[in-house]
Structure formats: structure tokens, C-alpha cells
Amino acid sequence: MATDDAGYDYDAAFKRYHSSEEMAEFLLALYDSDACVGAVDRNSFEFSLQAPRFDYAGKRVNLR
């Protein structure tokens, strides 16, 4: 449990959330894909696989 409280009522605290089974499916989809980011849209609750959010630093040419 995220709150470390076995009696925590997610239905009372949140109007909508993904089950642990759904989250596991999302993680497996990410693991099986070539994507490196899995994101859940906060408005639609849809899961999507995405490209990196930040460019690869590689050589740090802009450091002083």
C-alpha cells in the first residue's frame, strides 16, 4: 500500500484509478516495447508508450 495502511480506501480517496493488474499490464507493455517511457494521461487515464522526454546528453559539450 502506498500509505502503509492496509485499511486505506482508494474508492473513497480517488474517483478513478488503475488497478494493480492494469498497472502490471502497462509495465509489461513498456518492457516488451522499444519505447523507454510509459505514461498515463491524467485526464483520460489512457496509457501510452513514448519516446524519451529529454535528449540524450551524450557528450557534454555545453558544460563550462
N, C-alpha and C. Protein backbone atom coordinates (compact mmCIF):
# COMPACT_ATOMS: atom_id res chain seq x y z
N MET A 1 0.82 -1.19 0.00
CA MET A 1 0.00 0.00 0.00
C MET A 1 0.87 1.26 0.00
N ALA A 2 0.46 2.21 -0.76
CA ALA A 2 1.22 3.45 -0.86
C ALA A 2 1.23 4.21 0.47
N THR A 3 0.19 4.08 1.25
CA THR A 3 0.10 4.80 2.51
C THR A 3 0.56 3.97 3.70
N ASP A 4 0.94 2.72 3.45
CA ASP A 4 1.33 1.78 4.50
C ASP A 4 0.19 1.56 5.49
N ASP A 5 -1.04 1.66 4.98
CA ASP A 5 -2.24 1.48 5.80
C ASP A 5 -3.13 0.46 5.09
N ALA A 6 -3.21 -0.74 5.63
CA ALA A 6 -3.99 -1.81 5.00
C ALA A 6 -5.47 -1.46 4.90
N GLY A 7 -5.93 -0.54 5.71
CA GLY A 7 -7.35 -0.16 5.69
C GLY A 7 -7.66 1.03 4.79
N TYR A 8 -6.66 1.51 4.05
CA TYR A 8 -6.85 2.68 3.18
C TYR A 8 -7.89 2.38 2.11
N ASP A 9 -8.84 3.27 1.92
CA ASP A 9 -9.94 3.06 0.98
C ASP A 9 -9.72 3.92 -0.27
N TYR A 10 -9.17 3.30 -1.31
CA TYR A 10 -8.91 4.04 -2.55
C TYR A 10 -10.20 4.56 -3.18
N ASP A 11 -11.28 3.80 -3.07
CA ASP A 11 -12.55 4.25 -3.65
C ASP A 11 -13.03 5.54 -3.01
N ALA A 12 -12.79 5.71 -1.72
CA ALA A 12 -13.20 6.93 -1.03
C ALA A 12 -12.25 8.09 -1.34
N ALA A 13 -10.97 7.79 -1.52
CA ALA A 13 -9.96 8.84 -1.73
C ALA A 13 -9.87 9.32 -3.17
N PHE A 14 -10.13 8.43 -4.12
CA PHE A 14 -9.99 8.77 -5.54
C PHE A 14 -11.24 8.38 -6.30
N LYS A 15 -11.62 9.22 -7.25
CA LYS A 15 -12.77 8.90 -8.09
C LYS A 15 -12.41 7.83 -9.12
N ARG A 16 -11.15 7.86 -9.56
CA ARG A 16 -10.73 6.93 -10.61
C ARG A 16 -9.27 6.58 -10.42
N TYR A 17 -8.93 5.32 -10.64
CA TYR A 17 -7.56 4.87 -10.56
C TYR A 17 -7.43 3.55 -11.30
N HIS A 18 -6.19 3.15 -11.60
CA HIS A 18 -5.94 1.86 -12.26
C HIS A 18 -5.67 0.81 -11.21
N SER A 19 -6.16 -0.38 -11.46
CA SER A 19 -5.92 -1.49 -10.55
C SER A 19 -4.46 -1.95 -10.66
N SER A 20 -4.03 -2.75 -9.71
CA SER A 20 -2.66 -3.28 -9.77
C SER A 20 -2.48 -4.16 -10.99
N GLU A 21 -3.53 -4.86 -11.40
CA GLU A 21 -3.45 -5.70 -12.60
C GLU A 21 -3.25 -4.84 -13.85
N GLU A 22 -3.98 -3.72 -13.92
CA GLU A 22 -3.82 -2.82 -15.07
C GLU A 22 -2.42 -2.22 -15.10
N MET A 23 -1.92 -1.81 -13.94
CA MET A 23 -0.57 -1.24 -13.88
C MET A 23 0.47 -2.27 -14.30
N ALA A 24 0.27 -3.52 -13.90
CA ALA A 24 1.20 -4.58 -14.31
C ALA A 24 1.17 -4.75 -15.83
N GLU A 25 -0.02 -4.66 -16.43
CA GLU A 25 -0.13 -4.75 -17.89
C GLU A 25 0.62 -3.60 -18.56
N PHE A 26 0.52 -2.41 -17.99
CA PHE A 26 1.23 -1.25 -18.55
C PHE A 26 2.73 -1.49 -18.50
N LEU A 27 3.22 -1.98 -17.37
CA LEU A 27 4.66 -2.23 -17.23
C LEU A 27 5.14 -3.31 -18.19
N LEU A 28 4.34 -4.34 -18.37
CA LEU A 28 4.72 -5.39 -19.33
C LEU A 28 4.74 -4.85 -20.76
N ALA A 29 3.77 -4.00 -21.08
CA ALA A 29 3.74 -3.39 -22.42
C ALA A 29 4.99 -2.55 -22.64
N LEU A 30 5.39 -1.79 -21.62
CA LEU A 30 6.60 -0.98 -21.72
C LEU A 30 7.83 -1.87 -21.86
N TYR A 31 7.91 -2.90 -21.06
CA TYR A 31 9.04 -3.82 -21.09
C TYR A 31 9.17 -4.51 -22.46
N ASP A 32 8.04 -4.89 -23.04
CA ASP A 32 8.05 -5.61 -24.32
C ASP A 32 8.24 -4.69 -25.52
N SER A 33 8.20 -3.38 -25.32
CA SER A 33 8.29 -2.44 -26.43
C SER A 33 9.70 -1.91 -26.59
N ASP A 34 9.90 -1.10 -27.62
CA ASP A 34 11.16 -0.40 -27.83
C ASP A 34 11.13 0.99 -27.21
N ALA A 35 10.00 1.37 -26.64
CA ALA A 35 9.87 2.69 -26.02
C ALA A 35 10.59 2.71 -24.68
N CYS A 36 10.90 3.90 -24.21
CA CYS A 36 11.56 3.98 -22.90
C CYS A 36 10.72 4.74 -21.88
N VAL A 37 9.56 5.24 -22.31
CA VAL A 37 8.66 5.94 -21.39
C VAL A 37 7.26 5.39 -21.54
N GLY A 38 6.65 5.10 -20.42
CA GLY A 38 5.24 4.74 -20.38
C GLY A 38 4.53 5.80 -19.57
N ALA A 39 3.47 6.38 -20.10
CA ALA A 39 2.80 7.48 -19.41
C ALA A 39 1.30 7.25 -19.35
N VAL A 40 0.71 7.68 -18.25
CA VAL A 40 -0.74 7.65 -18.09
C VAL A 40 -1.23 9.08 -18.13
N ASP A 41 -2.12 9.39 -19.05
CA ASP A 41 -2.70 10.72 -19.17
C ASP A 41 -3.58 10.99 -17.96
N ARG A 42 -3.35 12.08 -17.26
CA ARG A 42 -4.11 12.38 -16.04
C ARG A 42 -5.57 12.69 -16.30
N ASN A 43 -5.91 13.11 -17.50
CA ASN A 43 -7.30 13.45 -17.81
C ASN A 43 -8.09 12.25 -18.31
N SER A 44 -7.51 11.50 -19.24
CA SER A 44 -8.24 10.38 -19.85
C SER A 44 -7.90 9.04 -19.20
N PHE A 45 -6.81 8.99 -18.43
CA PHE A 45 -6.31 7.76 -17.80
C PHE A 45 -5.86 6.73 -18.83
N GLU A 46 -5.61 7.17 -20.07
CA GLU A 46 -5.11 6.27 -21.10
C GLU A 46 -3.60 6.13 -20.97
N PHE A 47 -3.11 4.92 -21.21
CA PHE A 47 -1.69 4.62 -21.16
C PHE A 47 -1.11 4.73 -22.56
N SER A 48 0.08 5.30 -22.67
CA SER A 48 0.74 5.39 -23.97
C SER A 48 2.23 5.15 -23.80
N LEU A 49 2.82 4.61 -24.85
CA LEU A 49 4.26 4.41 -24.91
C LEU A 49 4.85 5.59 -25.67
N GLN A 50 5.96 6.13 -25.18
CA GLN A 50 6.51 7.34 -25.77
C GLN A 50 8.02 7.26 -25.91
N ALA A 51 8.52 8.17 -26.72
CA ALA A 51 9.96 8.34 -26.90
C ALA A 51 10.53 9.03 -25.66
N PRO A 52 11.85 9.10 -25.56
CA PRO A 52 12.45 9.79 -24.42
C PRO A 52 11.94 11.22 -24.30
N ARG A 53 11.83 11.70 -23.09
CA ARG A 53 11.33 13.06 -22.86
C ARG A 53 12.46 14.09 -22.89
N PHE A 54 13.67 13.63 -22.71
CA PHE A 54 14.83 14.52 -22.73
C PHE A 54 15.83 13.98 -23.74
N ASP A 55 16.49 14.88 -24.43
CA ASP A 55 17.52 14.46 -25.37
C ASP A 55 18.64 13.77 -24.62
N TYR A 56 19.26 12.80 -25.27
CA TYR A 56 20.41 12.11 -24.70
C TYR A 56 21.56 13.09 -24.56
N ALA A 57 22.13 13.16 -23.39
CA ALA A 57 23.20 14.11 -23.13
C ALA A 57 24.47 13.75 -23.90
N GLY A 58 24.76 12.44 -23.98
CA GLY A 58 25.95 12.01 -24.70
C GLY A 58 27.17 12.75 -24.23
N LYS A 59 27.81 13.43 -25.15
CA LYS A 59 28.97 14.27 -24.79
C LYS A 59 28.44 15.57 -24.22
N ARG A 60 29.02 15.97 -23.18
CA ARG A 60 28.57 17.20 -22.53
C ARG A 60 29.35 18.38 -23.11
N VAL A 61 28.93 18.83 -24.27
CA VAL A 61 29.67 19.88 -24.98
C VAL A 61 29.34 21.27 -24.47
N ASN A 62 28.22 21.44 -23.79
CA ASN A 62 27.81 22.78 -23.36
C ASN A 62 28.17 23.09 -21.92
N LEU A 63 28.91 22.20 -21.28
CA LEU A 63 29.32 22.47 -19.90
C LEU A 63 30.53 23.39 -19.88
N ARG A 64 30.60 24.24 -18.91
CA ARG A 64 31.74 25.16 -18.81
C ARG A 64 32.57 24.84 -17.62
